[in-house]
N, C-alpha and C. Protein backbone atom coordinates (compact mmCIF):
# COMPACT_ATOMS: atom_id res chain seq x y z
N UNK A 1 25.98 35.47 33.85
CA UNK A 1 26.57 34.63 34.99
C UNK A 1 25.46 33.72 34.60
N UNK A 2 25.69 31.90 34.50
CA UNK A 2 25.23 30.76 34.53
C UNK A 2 24.80 30.27 35.90
N UNK A 3 23.86 30.28 35.70
CA UNK A 3 23.17 29.52 37.41
C UNK A 3 22.97 28.01 36.81
N UNK A 4 23.71 26.88 37.34
CA UNK A 4 23.39 25.63 37.64
C UNK A 4 22.60 25.10 38.54
N UNK A 5 21.50 24.11 38.53
CA UNK A 5 20.83 23.76 39.73
C UNK A 5 21.54 22.60 39.92
N UNK A 6 21.43 21.63 41.21
CA UNK A 6 21.34 20.69 41.73
C UNK A 6 20.97 20.54 42.63
N UNK A 7 21.29 19.31 43.06
CA UNK A 7 20.50 18.57 44.42
C UNK A 7 20.79 19.99 45.82
N UNK A 8 21.42 20.76 45.59
CA UNK A 8 22.08 21.39 46.89
C UNK A 8 21.86 22.80 46.51
N UNK A 9 21.32 23.14 45.23
CA UNK A 9 20.74 24.22 44.76
C UNK A 9 19.44 23.97 43.98
N UNK A 10 18.34 23.95 44.70
CA UNK A 10 17.31 24.24 43.61
C UNK A 10 16.90 25.18 42.81
N UNK A 11 16.29 25.14 41.66
CA UNK A 11 15.57 26.44 40.83
C UNK A 11 14.44 27.01 41.81
N UNK A 12 14.13 28.57 40.92
CA UNK A 12 13.10 29.54 42.08
C UNK A 12 11.75 28.92 41.63
N UNK A 13 12.03 28.32 40.58
CA UNK A 13 10.23 27.72 40.02
C UNK A 13 10.27 26.23 40.08
N UNK A 14 8.99 25.21 40.86
CA UNK A 14 9.33 24.15 40.89
C UNK A 14 8.90 23.68 39.90
N UNK A 15 8.42 24.40 38.37
CA UNK A 15 7.76 23.73 37.65
C UNK A 15 6.26 23.90 36.68
N UNK A 16 6.10 22.41 36.16
CA UNK A 16 4.82 22.96 36.03
C UNK A 16 3.62 21.75 37.01
N UNK A 17 2.77 22.02 37.49
CA UNK A 17 2.06 21.15 38.12
C UNK A 17 0.83 21.02 37.53
N UNK A 18 0.76 19.82 37.33
CA UNK A 18 -0.76 19.04 36.88
C UNK A 18 -1.82 18.53 37.72
N UNK A 19 -2.80 19.46 37.84
CA UNK A 19 -3.93 19.15 38.81
C UNK A 19 -4.79 18.19 38.48
N UNK A 20 -5.19 17.75 36.96
CA UNK A 20 -5.99 16.85 36.02
C UNK A 20 -5.56 15.82 36.64
N UNK A 21 -6.74 14.85 37.05
CA UNK A 21 -6.01 12.98 36.91
C UNK A 21 -5.73 12.82 35.69
N UNK A 22 -4.56 11.66 35.97
CA UNK A 22 -4.09 11.53 34.45
C UNK A 22 -5.20 10.57 33.91
N UNK A 23 -4.80 10.58 32.64
CA UNK A 23 -5.74 9.79 31.39
C UNK A 23 -5.04 8.37 31.27
N UNK A 24 -4.03 8.26 31.67
CA UNK A 24 -2.97 6.81 31.40
C UNK A 24 -3.75 5.88 32.32
N UNK A 25 -3.87 4.81 31.65
CA UNK A 25 -4.62 3.40 32.57
C UNK A 25 -3.64 2.23 33.16
N UNK A 26 -3.23 2.38 33.99
CA UNK A 26 -2.82 2.04 34.88
C UNK A 26 -2.12 0.47 34.93
N UNK A 27 -3.90 -0.21 34.31
CA UNK A 27 -4.05 -1.83 34.49
C UNK A 27 -3.16 -2.15 33.46
N UNK A 28 -2.73 -1.12 32.50
CA UNK A 28 -1.51 -1.90 31.36
C UNK A 28 -0.36 -1.91 31.61
N UNK A 29 -0.11 -1.21 32.69
CA UNK A 29 1.43 -0.89 33.04
C UNK A 29 2.55 -2.55 32.82
N UNK A 30 1.91 -3.58 33.33
CA UNK A 30 2.70 -4.90 33.11
C UNK A 30 2.62 -5.26 31.42
N UNK A 31 1.52 -5.06 31.01
CA UNK A 31 1.47 -5.44 29.47
C UNK A 31 2.35 -4.49 28.65
N UNK A 32 2.79 -3.57 29.20
CA UNK A 32 3.38 -2.83 28.24
C UNK A 32 5.05 -2.16 28.54
N UNK A 33 5.53 -2.87 29.96
CA UNK A 33 6.97 -2.91 30.26
C UNK A 33 7.40 -4.14 29.38
N UNK A 34 8.75 -3.60 28.83
CA UNK A 34 9.31 -4.00 28.13
C UNK A 34 10.05 -5.08 29.11
N UNK A 35 10.08 -4.86 30.24
CA UNK A 35 10.75 -6.66 31.29
C UNK A 35 10.44 -7.14 30.91
N UNK A 36 8.87 -6.89 31.13
CA UNK A 36 7.78 -8.04 31.25
C UNK A 36 7.73 -8.75 29.77
N UNK A 37 7.74 -8.28 29.09
CA UNK A 37 7.47 -8.42 27.28
C UNK A 37 8.79 -9.12 27.05
N UNK A 38 10.29 -9.11 27.38
CA UNK A 38 10.85 -10.05 27.09
C UNK A 38 10.79 -11.18 27.93
N UNK A 39 10.59 -11.02 28.99
CA UNK A 39 10.75 -12.15 30.35
C UNK A 39 9.25 -13.04 29.75
N UNK A 40 8.36 -12.66 29.14
CA UNK A 40 7.45 -13.55 28.62
C UNK A 40 8.17 -14.30 27.60
N UNK A 41 8.47 -13.55 26.48
CA UNK A 41 8.77 -14.38 25.63
C UNK A 41 10.00 -15.36 25.79
N UNK A 42 11.07 -15.15 26.35
CA UNK A 42 12.20 -16.30 27.09
C UNK A 42 11.32 -17.40 27.41
N UNK A 43 10.16 -17.38 28.11
CA UNK A 43 9.73 -17.94 29.13
C UNK A 43 8.49 -18.93 28.10
N UNK A 44 7.93 -18.37 27.16
CA UNK A 44 7.19 -19.30 26.16
C UNK A 44 8.04 -19.55 25.00
N UNK A 45 9.43 -18.81 24.69
CA UNK A 45 9.68 -19.10 23.51
C UNK A 45 8.86 -18.43 22.53
N UNK A 46 8.15 -17.52 22.84
CA UNK A 46 6.91 -16.68 21.55
C UNK A 46 7.45 -16.13 21.13
N UNK A 47 8.60 -15.51 20.16
CA UNK A 47 9.04 -14.61 19.79
C UNK A 47 8.08 -13.60 18.76
N UNK A 48 6.92 -13.91 18.62
CA UNK A 48 6.34 -12.91 17.72
C UNK A 48 5.81 -11.94 17.93
N UNK A 49 6.32 -11.28 19.24
CA UNK A 49 5.35 -10.43 19.80
C UNK A 49 6.97 -8.59 19.06
N UNK A 50 7.75 -9.78 18.33
CA UNK A 50 8.94 -8.74 18.14
C UNK A 50 9.09 -8.51 16.74
N UNK A 51 8.32 -9.27 16.12
CA UNK A 51 7.90 -9.15 14.71
C UNK A 51 6.68 -8.45 14.50
N UNK A 52 6.22 -7.90 13.14
CA UNK A 52 5.50 -7.07 12.67
C UNK A 52 4.32 -8.14 12.36
N UNK A 53 2.90 -7.65 12.77
CA UNK A 53 2.05 -8.39 12.66
C UNK A 53 1.44 -9.01 11.59
N UNK A 54 1.50 -8.22 10.49
CA UNK A 54 0.99 -8.30 8.78
C UNK A 54 1.95 -8.44 8.25
N UNK A 55 2.94 -9.60 8.06
CA UNK A 55 3.58 -9.79 6.98
C UNK A 55 3.17 -10.89 5.83
N UNK A 56 2.17 -10.85 5.84
CA UNK A 56 1.54 -12.04 4.99
C UNK A 56 1.60 -11.68 3.45
N UNK A 57 1.41 -10.46 3.05
CA UNK A 57 1.40 -10.37 1.44
C UNK A 57 3.35 -9.89 1.35
N UNK A 58 3.20 -10.43 0.27
CA UNK A 58 4.38 -10.50 -0.88
C UNK A 58 4.10 -10.20 -2.08
N UNK A 59 4.79 -9.04 -2.61
CA UNK A 59 4.17 -8.43 -3.86
C UNK A 59 5.86 -8.79 -5.19
N UNK A 60 4.97 -9.23 -6.14
CA UNK A 60 6.11 -9.37 -7.20
C UNK A 60 6.65 -8.26 -8.41
N UNK A 61 7.47 -7.73 -7.66
CA UNK A 61 7.94 -6.47 -8.49
C UNK A 61 9.13 -6.79 -9.38
N UNK A 62 9.41 -7.87 -9.86
CA UNK A 62 10.35 -8.40 -10.89
C UNK A 62 10.15 -7.61 -12.09
N UNK A 63 8.38 -7.68 -12.36
CA UNK A 63 8.45 -7.44 -13.63
C UNK A 63 8.59 -5.62 -13.95
N UNK A 64 9.13 -4.76 -12.91
CA UNK A 64 9.54 -3.81 -13.30
C UNK A 64 10.99 -3.24 -12.98
N UNK A 65 11.90 -2.83 -13.77
CA UNK A 65 13.13 -2.43 -13.99
C UNK A 65 13.86 -1.85 -12.73
N UNK A 66 12.73 -0.51 -12.59
CA UNK A 66 13.46 -0.13 -11.58
C UNK A 66 11.99 0.47 -10.55
N UNK A 67 12.12 1.61 -9.81
CA UNK A 67 11.02 2.28 -8.88
C UNK A 67 10.43 3.20 -10.32
N UNK A 68 11.51 3.90 -10.47
CA UNK A 68 10.77 4.86 -11.78
C UNK A 68 10.11 4.26 -12.42
N UNK A 69 9.96 3.34 -13.15
CA UNK A 69 9.58 2.61 -14.29
C UNK A 69 7.71 2.27 -13.73
N UNK A 70 8.09 1.84 -12.75
CA UNK A 70 7.02 1.27 -12.20
C UNK A 70 5.97 2.62 -11.48
N UNK A 71 6.47 3.62 -11.04
CA UNK A 71 5.87 5.30 -10.85
C UNK A 71 5.66 5.62 -12.16
N UNK A 72 6.28 5.25 -13.37
CA UNK A 72 5.59 6.21 -14.73
C UNK A 72 4.43 5.12 -15.31
N UNK A 73 4.50 3.42 -14.59
CA UNK A 73 3.62 2.82 -15.37
C UNK A 73 1.45 2.62 -14.22
N UNK A 74 2.18 3.25 -13.32
CA UNK A 74 1.00 3.73 -12.34
C UNK A 74 0.45 4.85 -12.69
N UNK A 75 1.26 5.75 -13.13
CA UNK A 75 0.89 7.03 -13.90
C UNK A 75 0.08 7.09 -15.26
N UNK A 76 0.44 6.45 -15.80
CA UNK A 76 -0.03 5.59 -16.94
C UNK A 76 -1.43 5.16 -16.91
N UNK A 77 -1.84 4.11 -15.98
CA UNK A 77 -2.96 3.96 -15.39
C UNK A 77 -4.00 4.63 -15.08
N UNK A 78 -3.23 5.84 -14.10
CA UNK A 78 -4.13 6.74 -13.84
C UNK A 78 -4.61 7.65 -15.19
N UNK A 79 -3.78 7.76 -15.88
CA UNK A 79 -4.25 8.81 -16.80
C UNK A 79 -5.01 8.15 -18.03
N UNK A 80 -4.89 7.27 -18.03
CA UNK A 80 -5.77 6.32 -19.06
C UNK A 80 -7.39 6.37 -18.38
N UNK A 81 -7.22 6.12 -17.22
CA UNK A 81 -8.45 5.98 -16.22
C UNK A 81 -9.48 7.48 -16.15
N UNK A 82 -8.17 8.29 -16.02
CA UNK A 82 -8.80 9.95 -16.20
C UNK A 82 -9.51 10.42 -17.33
N UNK A 83 -8.80 9.75 -18.73
CA UNK A 83 -9.53 10.12 -19.74
C UNK A 83 -10.97 9.65 -20.38
N UNK A 84 -11.11 8.97 -19.44
CA UNK A 84 -12.66 7.55 -19.47
C UNK A 84 -13.74 8.61 -19.30
N UNK A 85 -15.00 8.40 -20.21
CA UNK A 85 -15.84 9.82 -20.08
C UNK A 85 -16.63 9.17 -18.55
N UNK A 86 -16.95 10.26 -18.08
CA UNK A 86 -17.29 10.40 -16.69
C UNK A 86 -18.34 9.12 -16.22
N UNK A 87 -19.17 9.23 -17.04
CA UNK A 87 -20.56 7.75 -16.93
C UNK A 87 -19.55 6.67 -17.00
N UNK A 88 -18.54 6.18 -17.53
CA UNK A 88 -17.65 4.57 -17.40
C UNK A 88 -17.04 4.96 -16.26
N UNK A 89 -16.33 6.13 -15.77
CA UNK A 89 -15.54 6.02 -14.56
C UNK A 89 -16.69 5.67 -13.09
N UNK A 90 -17.91 6.12 -13.05
CA UNK A 90 -18.88 6.31 -12.39
C UNK A 90 -19.18 4.92 -12.37
N UNK A 91 -19.18 4.16 -13.00
CA UNK A 91 -19.25 2.77 -13.20
C UNK A 91 -18.11 1.85 -12.21
N UNK A 92 -17.08 2.49 -12.03
CA UNK A 92 -15.73 1.78 -11.37
C UNK A 92 -15.59 2.95 -9.96
N UNK A 93 -16.56 3.57 -9.89
CA UNK A 93 -17.11 4.30 -8.30
C UNK A 93 -15.63 5.38 -8.35
N UNK A 94 -15.39 5.81 -9.76
CA UNK A 94 -14.41 6.97 -9.92
C UNK A 94 -12.95 6.31 -9.24
N UNK A 95 -12.93 5.32 -8.94
CA UNK A 95 -11.56 4.31 -8.80
C UNK A 95 -10.74 3.76 -9.71
N UNK A 96 -9.45 4.12 -9.77
CA UNK A 96 -8.32 3.35 -11.15
C UNK A 96 -8.49 2.39 -10.93
N UNK A 97 -8.71 1.64 -9.27
CA UNK A 97 -8.17 0.59 -9.06
C UNK A 97 -9.02 -0.65 -8.85
N UNK A 98 -10.92 -0.25 -9.02
CA UNK A 98 -11.71 -0.93 -9.65
C UNK A 98 -11.45 -1.32 -11.13
N UNK A 99 -11.05 0.11 -11.70
CA UNK A 99 -11.13 -0.14 -13.13
C UNK A 99 -9.97 -1.48 -13.69
N UNK A 100 -8.69 -1.55 -12.72
CA UNK A 100 -8.10 -2.24 -13.39
C UNK A 100 -8.15 -3.53 -12.50
N UNK A 101 -8.90 -3.86 -11.58
CA UNK A 101 -9.36 -5.31 -11.40
C UNK A 101 -10.09 -5.39 -12.73
N UNK A 102 -11.13 -4.99 -12.84
CA UNK A 102 -12.12 -5.38 -13.92
C UNK A 102 -10.93 -5.81 -15.31
N UNK A 103 -10.61 -4.70 -15.33
CA UNK A 103 -9.46 -4.82 -16.98
C UNK A 103 -8.48 -6.38 -17.02
N UNK A 104 -8.48 -6.61 -15.58
CA UNK A 104 -7.43 -7.62 -15.18
C UNK A 104 -7.64 -8.94 -15.63
N UNK A 105 -9.51 -9.01 -15.10
CA UNK A 105 -10.30 -10.29 -15.04
C UNK A 105 -10.89 -10.62 -16.14
N UNK A 106 -10.26 -11.84 -17.18
CA UNK A 106 -10.79 -12.48 -18.72
C UNK A 106 -12.00 -12.63 -18.09
N UNK A 107 -12.59 -12.74 -17.17
CA UNK A 107 -14.08 -12.70 -17.62
C UNK A 107 -15.18 -11.60 -17.97
N UNK A 108 -14.29 -10.21 -17.61
CA UNK A 108 -14.73 -9.08 -17.95
C UNK A 108 -14.75 -8.51 -19.71
N UNK A 109 -13.93 -9.78 -20.24
CA UNK A 109 -13.56 -9.01 -21.67
C UNK A 109 -14.68 -8.48 -22.37
N UNK A 110 -15.90 -9.45 -22.47
CA UNK A 110 -17.16 -8.90 -23.27
C UNK A 110 -17.70 -7.81 -23.00
N UNK A 111 -17.49 -7.54 -21.24
CA UNK A 111 -18.22 -6.54 -20.67
C UNK A 111 -18.15 -4.94 -21.42
N UNK A 112 -15.97 -5.66 -21.07
CA UNK A 112 -15.28 -4.18 -21.51
C UNK A 112 -14.92 -3.91 -23.13
N UNK A 113 -15.68 -4.80 -23.71
CA UNK A 113 -15.39 -4.60 -25.57
C UNK A 113 -17.00 -3.53 -25.56
N UNK A 114 -17.88 -4.35 -24.93
CA UNK A 114 -19.32 -3.46 -24.82
C UNK A 114 -18.94 -2.38 -24.43
N UNK A 115 -18.15 -1.96 -23.39
CA UNK A 115 -17.95 -0.63 -22.89
C UNK A 115 -17.19 0.48 -23.73
N UNK A 116 -16.48 -0.15 -24.50
CA UNK A 116 -15.79 0.50 -25.81
C UNK A 116 -13.94 0.64 -24.95
N UNK A 117 -14.10 -0.12 -24.11
CA UNK A 117 -12.99 -0.28 -23.39
C UNK A 117 -11.68 -0.82 -24.29
N UNK A 118 -11.96 -1.99 -25.04
CA UNK A 118 -11.44 -2.90 -25.50
C UNK A 118 -11.85 -2.67 -27.10
N UNK A 119 -11.21 -3.11 -27.61
CA UNK A 119 -11.53 -3.34 -29.37
C UNK A 119 -12.09 -4.79 -29.83
N UNK A 120 -12.95 -4.72 -30.69
CA UNK A 120 -13.88 -6.26 -30.80
C UNK A 120 -12.73 -7.64 -31.17
N UNK A 121 -11.65 -7.13 -31.84
CA UNK A 121 -11.15 -8.02 -32.17
C UNK A 121 -10.12 -8.68 -31.09
N UNK A 122 -10.10 -8.04 -29.51
CA UNK A 122 -9.19 -8.44 -28.54
C UNK A 122 -10.20 -9.12 -27.73
N UNK A 123 -10.97 -9.97 -27.65
CA UNK A 123 -12.34 -10.73 -27.29
C UNK A 123 -11.15 -12.11 -27.00
N UNK A 124 -10.61 -12.82 -28.10
CA UNK A 124 -9.82 -14.38 -27.55
C UNK A 124 -8.49 -13.71 -26.97
N UNK A 125 -7.80 -12.88 -27.04
CA UNK A 125 -6.37 -13.06 -26.98
C UNK A 125 -6.06 -11.52 -26.69
N UNK A 126 -6.20 -10.56 -25.69
CA UNK A 126 -6.14 -9.40 -25.62
C UNK A 126 -4.97 -9.11 -25.48
N UNK A 127 -4.41 -8.13 -26.43
CA UNK A 127 -2.98 -7.63 -26.29
C UNK A 127 -3.41 -5.82 -26.50
N UNK A 128 -2.12 -5.33 -26.17
CA UNK A 128 -1.58 -4.03 -26.15
C UNK A 128 -0.78 -3.57 -26.66
N UNK A 129 -0.87 -2.16 -26.79
CA UNK A 129 0.49 -1.78 -27.69
C UNK A 129 1.40 -1.26 -26.47
N UNK A 130 2.58 -1.11 -26.95
CA UNK A 130 3.73 -0.64 -25.37
C UNK A 130 3.50 0.56 -24.96
N UNK A 131 2.53 1.53 -25.58
CA UNK A 131 2.01 2.73 -25.36
C UNK A 131 0.99 2.64 -24.67
N UNK A 132 0.11 1.61 -24.70
CA UNK A 132 -1.21 1.61 -24.59
C UNK A 132 -1.37 1.38 -22.81
N UNK A 133 -1.72 2.41 -21.72
CA UNK A 133 -1.69 1.78 -20.11
C UNK A 133 -2.92 1.08 -20.13
N UNK A 134 -3.96 0.81 -20.71
CA UNK A 134 -4.98 -0.10 -20.61
C UNK A 134 -4.56 -1.42 -20.60
N UNK A 135 -3.21 -2.00 -20.78
CA UNK A 135 -3.20 -3.52 -20.69
C UNK A 135 -3.96 -3.97 -20.14
N UNK A 136 -4.57 -5.06 -20.40
CA UNK A 136 -5.39 -5.75 -19.73
C UNK A 136 -4.52 -6.65 -19.16
N UNK A 137 -3.50 -7.22 -19.68
CA UNK A 137 -2.56 -8.22 -19.10
C UNK A 137 -1.95 -7.54 -17.48
N UNK A 138 -1.72 -6.45 -17.20
CA UNK A 138 -1.75 -5.92 -16.39
C UNK A 138 -0.32 -5.56 -16.00
N UNK A 139 0.85 -5.94 -17.31
CA UNK A 139 2.13 -5.92 -17.04
C UNK A 139 2.50 -4.31 -17.71
N UNK A 140 3.56 -3.77 -17.21
CA UNK A 140 4.13 -2.85 -18.15
C UNK A 140 4.90 -3.27 -19.07
N UNK A 141 4.99 -2.21 -20.06
CA UNK A 141 5.28 -2.58 -21.55
C UNK A 141 6.54 -3.36 -21.30
N UNK A 142 7.51 -2.98 -21.04
CA UNK A 142 8.99 -3.16 -20.36
C UNK A 142 9.00 -4.81 -20.11
N UNK A 143 7.67 -5.20 -19.45
CA UNK A 143 7.72 -6.39 -19.05
C UNK A 143 7.34 -7.46 -19.93
N UNK A 144 6.58 -7.35 -21.43
CA UNK A 144 6.06 -8.24 -21.86
C UNK A 144 6.85 -8.68 -22.81
N UNK A 145 7.12 -10.25 -23.14
CA UNK A 145 7.87 -10.72 -23.92
C UNK A 145 6.77 -11.29 -25.26
N UNK A 146 7.31 -11.53 -26.12
CA UNK A 146 6.56 -11.78 -27.72
C UNK A 146 6.41 -13.21 -27.38
N UNK A 147 5.12 -13.83 -27.53
CA UNK A 147 5.01 -15.38 -27.36
C UNK A 147 5.63 -15.73 -28.78
N UNK A 148 5.86 -17.21 -28.34
CA UNK A 148 6.83 -17.92 -29.72
C UNK A 148 5.56 -18.86 -30.28
N UNK A 149 5.42 -19.36 -31.22
CA UNK A 149 4.58 -19.98 -31.93
C UNK A 149 5.10 -21.84 -31.54
N UNK A 150 5.03 -22.42 -30.62
CA UNK A 150 5.70 -23.67 -30.57
C UNK A 150 4.97 -24.61 -30.92
């Protein structure tokens, strides 16, 4: 037999009773009330409260054919960084993003050659083969276009 409680038939147990004081800060009640937020937005015309705060960064993802190729490119960079000797990785605080930042800065070409990360002939014009994930240009092999002699 199923017993259904209603306002005319009360349950046997009253439920859980909390005896400790609440940790909710009641002075924020007006700030978090959705009705107050909407009313304030209508009155002031400021609807920025309804949009995410940090939308200022945009990334150019057009150099990748698809999501899988971008993941493959990132994996190649990680593998390249992991294959470096530990003393060189330590110079980048063992972080691949520091390595990429260093390798994509044209001012670091001389230091990269000195560390053995680039060949000596690449000082003037860094180029990498399609399978070389340490491409100083930072673009995946699919996105590279041959330079025309104009």
